[in-house]
């Protein structure tokens, strides 16, 4: 199997009432980890800055223009590997990903934020910080939320029992 490398940008998007937006990918559109919840984002195009890629990906995936909000880099980058089907050719490849994550706080409550599913998502949902340890996330997702202090290690251990 051919191997490729991708730089991925994603954002933890907070609503004014403290909820975090996550989505699920469409397995028929080449999404990786389609059975898990992700923070929105995607691949960086050639000659594109991380911030420009993030703005584009958020607009494409969830229909939200984040250009008016502060985009704050988060600690990282993280890394991951997954099998992926390329949209253009249908070829299955092993994708080595480097994740650059950001934080965006929207000045509206979750119920007030207008979202639109992009072509590669099947569902969007707002989660409270308390719900994060119960949600099936991409590999490393819960651990990253623990690093940021959004999930306590004790809380995660209790939910595994």
Foldseek 3Di string as FASTA:
>chain_A
DAEDEFEKEFEQEAEPVAWTKWFAWDVVQFDWPRVFTDGWIGTDDPPGDNVRRHQVRQCQAWVDRQPVWDKAWDDDFDWDWTWTQDNVPRDIYIYIYTYTYIYTYDHHGPVPDHIDGHPTTDDMDIGHLLCVLVGGHDVCPVVVCCVVVSAPPVSNVVNVD
